[in-house]
Amino acid sequence: MGNDKLRATPAARSLAQRMGVDLNAIAGSGYKGRIHAEDVAEFSYEKAGGITPLAKKIADAFGLDTSSIQGSGFRGKITRADVAKALGGRYYPNLEDIIDPFTDTDGAVASAPAAGSAAAKASAPASSPAAPAATAAPKGDIEIVPMNMMRRVIAKRMADSYFSAPTFVLNYEVDMYEATKLRKQLLEPIKEKTGKKLTVTDIISIAVVRTLMNHPYINATLSADGSQIELHNYVNFAMAVGMDEGLLVPVVHGAEKLGLVDLMLRLKDITERAVGKKLTPADQEGSTFTISNLGMYGVESFTSIINQPNSAILSIAGTKEMPVVRNGEVVIRPIMKMSLTSDHRVINGLAAAKFMQELKATLESPLPLLV
């Protein structure tokens, strides 16, 4: 962290200090390996293996297949030095000399003229003096807002998840009468004991955790090469927390060992620290399952993008008073909609349906959750 020879921007050093990240373990994407704030932000989300952006640029330029290269970087990540070694004599003698053709001083891809650009200019028809000048359509006032660091990381991770995982969605309606009744009964005793207010989300969370232990494929992870499925005998429960700046997904590790009150307290702690931007990298790593709750905003239904490396994510929508038939009579009940987005490489439709069926039954008869 205090290494003056290490190339890093002031913003990267400041963020690394706040996050407790060792800059020496990060491969920078900037000019001559300079570390930017984005590199620090993405560091805690990186999977084992992979390749640094700069190493990938060089490998792509030489048409090098990196699949067989053993990375020497952090957690086996392929660095530019590994690419240089693999290229051998095709690579410039001085490792630093190769950077200039591919990057400018800011680390962006250089805009060197393409081979056909001169020919394209020569073949382009000359503008005729008589030809009317093209005029752009008038636009209204706009405001350009740069993507902050958090949104850049979110954008990258969501795009990676959306375009890599074939997903399907199951939608269910849940009668929340008994769950809301249970909350009302427990509200005051728990508040007197802890000073915290029990929410419906807390009851949903403990129901999800308990149900996951009976459905290992919903709580699973696909290996990086897609050849193995890791079935977890624990639940690292993640909760999506939205803010104006972006989205954070803090994790409660070992949630299967917690009762309702303990899980409630842990969830409130990580949520408050997320909003206060006081999460550590460890607070955001290792999740096995995630839920996203937009019910408090009146959302009737929605589907979420999987928070990889999870294999599924549960979307919780709002609860609405609706007429339903019970014992041959029409009654008004609080009905909540929820949907499960699943990675079809790991989870088949039957497994997902069985999980949702049990979760629905648990929420409609939640008393055993207290045992």
Protein backbone atom coordinates (compact mmCIF):
# COMPACT_ATOMS: atom_id res chain seq x y z
CA MET A 1 0.00 0.00 0.00
CA GLY A 2 2.84 2.39 0.74
CA ASN A 3 5.02 1.30 -2.19
CA ASP A 4 5.95 4.50 -4.02
CA LYS A 5 7.25 2.56 -7.06
CA LEU A 6 3.90 0.92 -7.58
CA ARG A 7 1.96 2.72 -10.34
CA ALA A 8 -1.50 3.71 -9.11
CA THR A 9 -3.71 6.77 -9.37
CA PRO A 10 -4.44 8.76 -6.18
CA ALA A 11 -8.10 7.67 -6.42
CA ALA A 12 -7.02 4.02 -6.59
CA ARG A 13 -4.75 4.40 -3.54
CA SER A 14 -7.49 6.12 -1.57
CA LEU A 15 -10.10 3.48 -2.43
CA ALA A 16 -7.70 0.62 -1.70
CA GLN A 17 -6.98 2.07 1.72
CA ARG A 18 -10.70 2.36 2.52
CA MET A 19 -11.43 -1.17 1.29
CA GLY A 20 -8.38 -2.74 2.91
CA VAL A 21 -7.07 -4.01 -0.43
CA ASP A 22 -3.37 -4.57 -1.11
CA LEU A 23 -2.49 -2.75 -4.32
CA ASN A 24 0.40 -5.15 -4.92
CA ALA A 25 -2.15 -7.92 -5.58
CA ILE A 26 -3.94 -5.97 -8.32
CA ALA A 27 -3.01 -6.01 -12.01
CA GLY A 28 -3.61 -2.49 -13.33
CA SER A 29 -5.38 -1.89 -16.63
CA GLY A 30 -3.78 1.49 -17.30
CA TYR A 31 -0.63 2.58 -19.11
CA LYS A 32 2.38 0.48 -18.06
CA GLY A 33 0.14 -1.42 -15.63
CA ARG A 34 -1.02 1.66 -13.73
CA ILE A 35 -3.81 0.81 -11.30
CA HIS A 36 -7.03 2.80 -11.60
CA ALA A 37 -9.89 3.08 -9.12
CA GLU A 38 -11.97 0.76 -11.32
CA ASP A 39 -9.34 -1.97 -10.94
CA VAL A 40 -9.62 -1.72 -7.15
CA ALA A 41 -13.43 -1.77 -7.26
CA GLU A 42 -13.51 -4.83 -9.50
CA PHE A 43 -10.84 -6.61 -7.47
CA SER A 44 -13.22 -8.05 -4.85
CA TYR A 45 -15.52 -9.38 -7.56
CA GLU A 46 -12.85 -11.18 -9.59
CA LYS A 47 -13.06 -14.94 -9.92
CA ALA A 48 -10.07 -17.21 -9.64
CA GLY A 49 -8.13 -17.24 -12.86
CA GLY A 50 -9.05 -14.90 -15.69
CA ILE A 51 -6.87 -12.42 -17.50
CA THR A 52 -6.04 -8.77 -16.95
CA PRO A 53 -7.50 -6.31 -19.49
CA LEU A 54 -4.03 -5.29 -20.72
CA ALA A 55 -2.87 -8.89 -21.14
CA LYS A 56 -6.02 -9.64 -23.12
CA LYS A 57 -5.41 -6.68 -25.46
CA ILE A 58 -1.90 -7.89 -26.22
CA ALA A 59 -2.98 -11.53 -26.64
CA ASP A 60 -5.80 -10.52 -28.98
CA ALA A 61 -3.43 -8.36 -31.04
CA PHE A 62 -1.14 -11.35 -31.62
CA GLY A 63 -3.99 -13.85 -32.01
CA LEU A 64 -2.75 -15.79 -28.99
CA ASP A 65 -4.97 -18.45 -27.39
CA THR A 66 -4.64 -17.92 -23.63
CA SER A 67 -6.68 -20.96 -22.53
CA SER A 68 -3.57 -23.04 -21.88
CA ILE A 69 -1.51 -20.32 -20.18
CA GLN A 70 -0.89 -20.79 -16.46
CA GLY A 71 -1.38 -17.37 -14.87
CA SER A 72 1.17 -16.10 -12.39
CA GLY A 73 -1.01 -13.29 -11.05
CA PHE A 74 -3.26 -13.17 -8.02
CA ARG A 75 -5.47 -16.30 -7.83
CA GLY A 76 -4.01 -17.56 -11.11
CA LYS A 77 -4.87 -14.51 -13.19
CA ILE A 78 -2.97 -14.23 -16.48
CA THR A 79 -0.84 -11.08 -16.57
CA ARG A 80 0.92 -9.30 -19.43
CA ALA A 81 4.19 -10.95 -18.31
CA ASP A 82 2.58 -14.39 -18.84
CA VAL A 83 1.43 -13.35 -22.31
CA ALA A 84 4.92 -12.00 -23.12
CA LYS A 85 6.47 -15.30 -22.06
CA ALA A 86 4.02 -17.28 -24.20
CA LEU A 87 4.72 -15.10 -27.23
CA GLY A 88 8.48 -15.56 -26.86
CA GLY A 89 10.37 -14.12 -29.83
CA ARG A 90 7.22 -12.61 -31.29
CA TYR A 91 7.14 -10.21 -28.37
CA TYR A 92 9.21 -7.07 -28.05
CA PRO A 93 12.42 -7.51 -26.01
CA ASN A 94 11.40 -4.74 -23.65
CA LEU A 95 8.11 -5.54 -21.97
CA GLU A 96 7.17 -1.86 -21.68
CA ASP A 97 7.65 -1.18 -25.42
CA ILE A 98 4.65 -3.28 -26.34
CA ILE A 99 2.24 -1.02 -24.47
CA ASP A 100 2.49 2.03 -26.70
CA PRO A 101 1.02 0.48 -29.87
CA PHE A 102 -2.10 -0.63 -27.98
CA THR A 103 -2.76 2.06 -25.42
CA ASP A 104 -2.57 5.78 -25.10
CA THR A 105 -1.34 7.52 -21.97
CA ASP A 106 -4.69 6.96 -20.26
CA GLY A 107 -4.66 3.21 -20.86
CA ALA A 108 -7.39 3.38 -23.52
CA VAL A 109 -7.09 1.53 -26.80
CA ALA A 110 -5.13 3.66 -29.23
CA SER A 111 -6.92 4.81 -32.35
CA ALA A 112 -4.20 3.96 -34.85
CA PRO A 113 -5.42 4.30 -38.45
CA ALA A 114 -6.67 1.03 -39.89
CA ALA A 115 -5.06 -0.33 -43.04
CA GLY A 116 -8.11 0.46 -45.13
CA SER A 117 -8.78 3.90 -43.71
CA ALA A 118 -6.63 5.76 -46.27
CA ALA A 119 -8.23 3.87 -49.11
CA ALA A 120 -11.66 4.61 -47.70
CA LYS A 121 -10.84 8.32 -47.66
CA ALA A 122 -9.52 8.19 -51.23
CA SER A 123 -12.57 6.34 -52.51
CA ALA A 124 -15.05 8.61 -50.70
CA PRO A 125 -16.86 10.91 -53.13
CA ALA A 126 -15.74 14.54 -52.98
CA SER A 127 -18.35 16.93 -51.66
CA SER A 128 -20.05 18.81 -54.42
CA PRO A 129 -20.30 22.57 -53.90
CA ALA A 130 -23.86 22.39 -55.17
CA ALA A 131 -24.85 19.64 -52.73
CA PRO A 132 -26.79 20.92 -49.72
CA ALA A 133 -25.00 20.53 -46.39
CA ALA A 134 -26.47 17.84 -44.16
CA THR A 135 -28.01 19.25 -41.03
CA ALA A 136 -28.41 17.33 -37.80
CA ALA A 137 -31.87 16.99 -36.35
CA PRO A 138 -32.38 19.44 -33.49
CA LYS A 139 -32.05 17.96 -30.01
CA GLY A 140 -33.39 19.08 -26.70
CA ASP A 141 -31.22 19.94 -23.73
CA ILE A 142 -29.31 16.95 -22.39
CA GLU A 143 -27.12 16.32 -19.39
CA ILE A 144 -24.12 14.03 -19.62
CA VAL A 145 -23.59 12.06 -16.40
CA PRO A 146 -20.39 9.99 -16.25
CA MET A 147 -20.85 6.47 -14.91
CA ASN A 148 -19.36 6.31 -11.47
CA MET A 149 -17.09 3.50 -10.41
CA MET A 150 -19.83 1.48 -8.74
CA ARG A 151 -22.10 1.59 -11.80
CA ARG A 152 -19.23 0.55 -14.09
CA VAL A 153 -18.62 -2.54 -11.98
CA ILE A 154 -22.34 -3.32 -11.84
CA ALA A 155 -22.70 -2.84 -15.59
CA LYS A 156 -19.84 -5.23 -16.30
CA ARG A 157 -21.06 -7.92 -13.91
CA MET A 158 -24.68 -7.73 -15.03
CA ALA A 159 -23.71 -7.90 -18.71
CA ASP A 160 -21.44 -10.88 -18.03
CA SER A 161 -24.27 -12.65 -16.21
CA TYR A 162 -27.01 -11.79 -18.71
CA PHE A 163 -25.08 -12.86 -21.79
CA SER A 164 -23.43 -15.97 -20.33
CA ALA A 165 -26.25 -17.77 -18.49
CA PRO A 166 -29.31 -19.26 -20.22
CA THR A 167 -32.08 -18.49 -17.75
CA PHE A 168 -35.74 -19.26 -17.16
CA VAL A 169 -38.21 -17.67 -14.75
CA LEU A 170 -40.93 -19.15 -12.54
CA ASN A 171 -43.66 -16.89 -11.11
CA TYR A 172 -45.69 -17.63 -8.00
CA GLU A 173 -48.34 -15.95 -5.85
CA VAL A 174 -48.16 -16.38 -2.09
CA ASP A 175 -50.91 -15.82 0.46
CA MET A 176 -49.09 -13.79 3.12
CA TYR A 177 -51.95 -13.77 5.65
CA GLU A 178 -50.25 -16.09 8.14
CA ALA A 179 -46.82 -14.48 7.65
CA THR A 180 -48.13 -10.96 8.31
CA LYS A 181 -50.10 -12.29 11.28
CA LEU A 182 -46.93 -13.88 12.69
CA ARG A 183 -45.02 -10.64 12.22
CA LYS A 184 -47.63 -8.69 14.19
CA GLN A 185 -47.41 -11.21 17.04
CA LEU A 186 -43.60 -11.06 17.18
CA LEU A 187 -43.17 -7.34 16.49
CA GLU A 188 -43.29 -5.98 20.04
CA PRO A 189 -41.44 -8.83 21.83
CA ILE A 190 -38.55 -8.67 19.36
CA LYS A 191 -38.43 -4.88 19.45
CA GLU A 192 -38.28 -4.90 23.25
CA LYS A 193 -35.46 -7.44 23.17
CA THR A 194 -33.36 -6.02 20.32
CA GLY A 195 -34.58 -2.49 19.67
CA LYS A 196 -35.11 -3.50 16.04
CA LYS A 197 -38.33 -3.86 14.07
CA LEU A 198 -39.10 -7.23 12.51
CA THR A 199 -40.13 -6.92 8.85
CA VAL A 200 -41.87 -9.23 6.41
CA THR A 201 -38.55 -9.35 4.51
CA ASP A 202 -36.93 -10.90 7.58
CA ILE A 203 -39.56 -13.66 7.66
CA ILE A 204 -39.17 -14.24 3.92
CA SER A 205 -35.39 -14.42 4.36
CA ILE A 206 -35.44 -17.09 7.07
CA ALA A 207 -37.96 -19.07 4.99
CA VAL A 208 -35.67 -18.89 1.94
CA VAL A 209 -32.61 -19.99 3.92
CA ARG A 210 -34.40 -22.98 5.48
CA THR A 211 -35.87 -24.02 2.12
CA LEU A 212 -32.52 -23.76 0.34
CA MET A 213 -31.04 -26.42 2.62
CA ASN A 214 -33.51 -28.91 1.10
CA HIS A 215 -32.72 -27.94 -2.51
CA PRO A 216 -28.95 -28.00 -3.07
CA TYR A 217 -29.05 -27.24 -6.80
CA ILE A 218 -30.77 -23.90 -6.16
CA ASN A 219 -27.92 -23.07 -3.78
CA ALA A 220 -25.18 -24.22 -6.18
CA THR A 221 -22.33 -22.70 -8.22
CA LEU A 222 -21.13 -23.64 -11.69
CA SER A 223 -17.35 -24.00 -11.99
CA ALA A 224 -15.46 -21.49 -14.13
CA ASP A 225 -14.90 -23.99 -16.94
CA GLY A 226 -18.51 -25.20 -16.82
CA SER A 227 -17.56 -28.82 -16.13
CA GLN A 228 -18.56 -29.13 -12.46
CA ILE A 229 -21.36 -28.04 -10.14
CA GLU A 230 -20.50 -27.10 -6.56
CA LEU A 231 -23.31 -28.00 -4.14
CA HIS A 232 -22.98 -25.99 -0.94
CA ASN A 233 -23.95 -27.46 2.41
CA TYR A 234 -24.23 -23.92 3.79
CA VAL A 235 -26.09 -20.75 2.78
CA ASN A 236 -24.27 -17.48 2.27
CA PHE A 237 -27.35 -15.31 1.92
CA ALA A 238 -27.09 -12.10 -0.11
CA MET A 239 -29.48 -9.16 -0.13
CA ALA A 240 -29.49 -6.64 -2.99
CA VAL A 241 -29.37 -3.09 -1.60
CA GLY A 242 -30.18 -0.30 -4.05
CA MET A 243 -28.84 3.24 -3.71
CA ASP A 244 -28.75 6.32 -5.93
CA GLU A 245 -25.12 5.57 -6.82
CA GLY A 246 -25.81 1.96 -7.77
CA LEU A 247 -26.34 -1.46 -6.25
CA LEU A 248 -24.52 -3.35 -3.51
CA VAL A 249 -25.09 -7.00 -2.57
CA PRO A 250 -23.86 -7.64 0.99
CA VAL A 251 -23.73 -11.21 2.28
CA VAL A 252 -24.69 -12.93 5.53
CA HIS A 253 -22.28 -15.87 5.75
CA GLY A 254 -23.45 -19.08 7.40
CA ALA A 255 -27.10 -17.97 7.42
CA GLU A 256 -28.31 -21.58 7.83
CA LYS A 257 -27.00 -21.54 11.42
CA LEU A 258 -29.05 -18.50 12.43
CA GLY A 259 -32.53 -18.23 13.92
CA LEU A 260 -35.06 -15.57 12.93
CA VAL A 261 -33.85 -12.89 15.34
CA ASP A 262 -30.15 -13.42 14.66
CA LEU A 263 -30.70 -13.37 10.90
CA MET A 264 -32.81 -10.22 11.24
CA LEU A 265 -30.01 -8.47 13.16
CA ARG A 266 -27.34 -9.55 10.66
CA LEU A 267 -29.44 -8.38 7.71
CA LYS A 268 -30.06 -4.99 9.28
CA ASP A 269 -26.37 -4.61 10.09
CA ILE A 270 -25.13 -5.31 6.56
CA THR A 271 -27.90 -3.22 5.02
CA GLU A 272 -27.07 -0.22 7.20
CA ARG A 273 -23.36 -0.59 6.43
CA ALA A 274 -24.13 -0.88 2.72
CA VAL A 275 -26.12 2.35 2.75
CA GLY A 276 -23.35 4.00 4.78
CA LYS A 277 -20.74 2.65 2.32
CA LYS A 278 -18.90 0.88 5.11
CA LEU A 279 -18.85 -2.63 3.66
CA THR A 280 -15.55 -4.48 3.37
CA PRO A 281 -14.70 -6.70 0.37
CA ALA A 282 -15.35 -9.76 2.56
CA ASP A 283 -18.91 -8.50 3.20
CA GLN A 284 -19.65 -8.76 -0.52
CA GLU A 285 -17.95 -12.06 -1.41
CA GLY A 286 -18.90 -15.72 -1.30
CA SER A 287 -22.69 -15.54 -1.75
CA THR A 288 -24.53 -18.71 -2.71
CA PHE A 289 -28.03 -17.24 -3.18
CA THR A 290 -29.48 -13.73 -3.51
CA ILE A 291 -32.85 -12.09 -3.09
CA SER A 292 -33.98 -8.71 -4.40
CA ASN A 293 -37.00 -7.06 -2.78
CA LEU A 294 -38.79 -4.14 -4.44
CA GLY A 295 -42.12 -4.76 -2.74
CA MET A 296 -41.90 -1.61 -0.64
CA TYR A 297 -41.97 0.45 -3.85
CA GLY A 298 -45.29 -0.92 -5.04
CA VAL A 299 -43.75 -3.12 -7.73
CA GLU A 300 -46.31 -5.75 -8.75
CA SER A 301 -43.85 -8.16 -10.38
CA PHE A 302 -40.32 -8.22 -11.79
CA THR A 303 -37.47 -10.57 -12.62
CA SER A 304 -33.85 -10.09 -11.60
CA ILE A 305 -30.56 -10.86 -13.31
CA ILE A 306 -28.61 -13.60 -11.52
CA ASN A 307 -25.88 -12.40 -9.20
CA GLN A 308 -23.10 -14.71 -10.37
CA PRO A 309 -21.56 -17.03 -9.32
CA ASN A 310 -25.00 -17.86 -7.89
CA SER A 311 -27.25 -20.11 -9.96
CA ALA A 312 -30.52 -18.41 -9.03
CA ILE A 313 -32.02 -15.21 -7.64
CA LEU A 314 -35.39 -14.61 -6.00
CA SER A 315 -37.36 -11.45 -6.81
CA ILE A 316 -39.86 -10.27 -4.19
CA ALA A 317 -42.62 -7.93 -5.36
CA GLY A 318 -45.26 -6.05 -3.40
CA THR A 319 -48.09 -7.51 -1.32
CA LYS A 320 -51.57 -6.54 -2.46
CA GLU A 321 -55.02 -7.16 -1.04
CA MET A 322 -56.81 -9.41 -3.53
CA PRO A 323 -59.98 -11.53 -3.64
CA VAL A 324 -59.19 -15.26 -3.53
CA VAL A 325 -61.25 -18.41 -3.04
CA ARG A 326 -60.79 -20.19 0.28
CA ASN A 327 -62.98 -23.16 1.23
CA GLY A 328 -65.47 -22.28 -1.48
CA GLU A 329 -65.80 -18.65 -0.40
CA VAL A 330 -64.32 -15.46 -1.78
CA VAL A 331 -62.16 -13.70 0.81
CA ILE A 332 -59.69 -10.82 0.71
CA ARG A 333 -56.09 -11.87 1.36
CA PRO A 334 -52.66 -10.17 1.14
CA ILE A 335 -51.12 -11.74 -1.98
CA MET A 336 -47.41 -11.39 -2.74
CA LYS A 337 -45.83 -12.19 -6.09
CA MET A 338 -42.36 -13.66 -6.30
CA SER A 339 -40.27 -15.01 -9.15
CA LEU A 340 -37.20 -17.21 -9.35
CA THR A 341 -34.66 -16.65 -12.12
CA SER A 342 -32.57 -19.80 -12.62
CA ASP A 343 -29.47 -20.72 -14.60
CA HIS A 344 -30.61 -23.61 -16.80
CA ARG A 345 -27.08 -25.00 -16.96
CA VAL A 346 -27.36 -25.93 -13.28
CA ILE A 347 -31.07 -25.98 -12.45
CA ASN A 348 -33.83 -27.72 -14.36
CA GLY A 349 -37.46 -26.65 -14.31
CA LEU A 350 -38.60 -29.40 -11.96
CA ALA A 351 -35.95 -28.56 -9.33
CA ALA A 352 -36.86 -24.88 -9.45
CA ALA A 353 -40.59 -25.63 -9.21
CA LYS A 354 -40.10 -27.90 -6.19
CA PHE A 355 -38.08 -25.18 -4.43
CA MET A 356 -40.71 -22.53 -5.09
CA GLN A 357 -43.52 -24.87 -4.10
CA GLU A 358 -41.90 -25.56 -0.72
CA LEU A 359 -41.05 -21.89 -0.18
CA LYS A 360 -44.65 -20.90 -0.91
CA ALA A 361 -45.95 -23.53 1.54
CA THR A 362 -43.48 -22.37 4.21
CA LEU A 363 -44.53 -18.74 3.89
CA GLU A 364 -48.22 -19.66 3.99
CA SER A 365 -47.65 -21.71 7.18
CA PRO A 366 -44.60 -20.00 8.77
CA LEU A 367 -44.94 -21.11 12.40
CA PRO A 368 -42.36 -23.96 12.10
CA LEU A 369 -39.73 -21.30 11.24
CA LEU A 370 -39.62 -20.45 14.94
CA VAL A 371 -38.68 -23.98 15.95
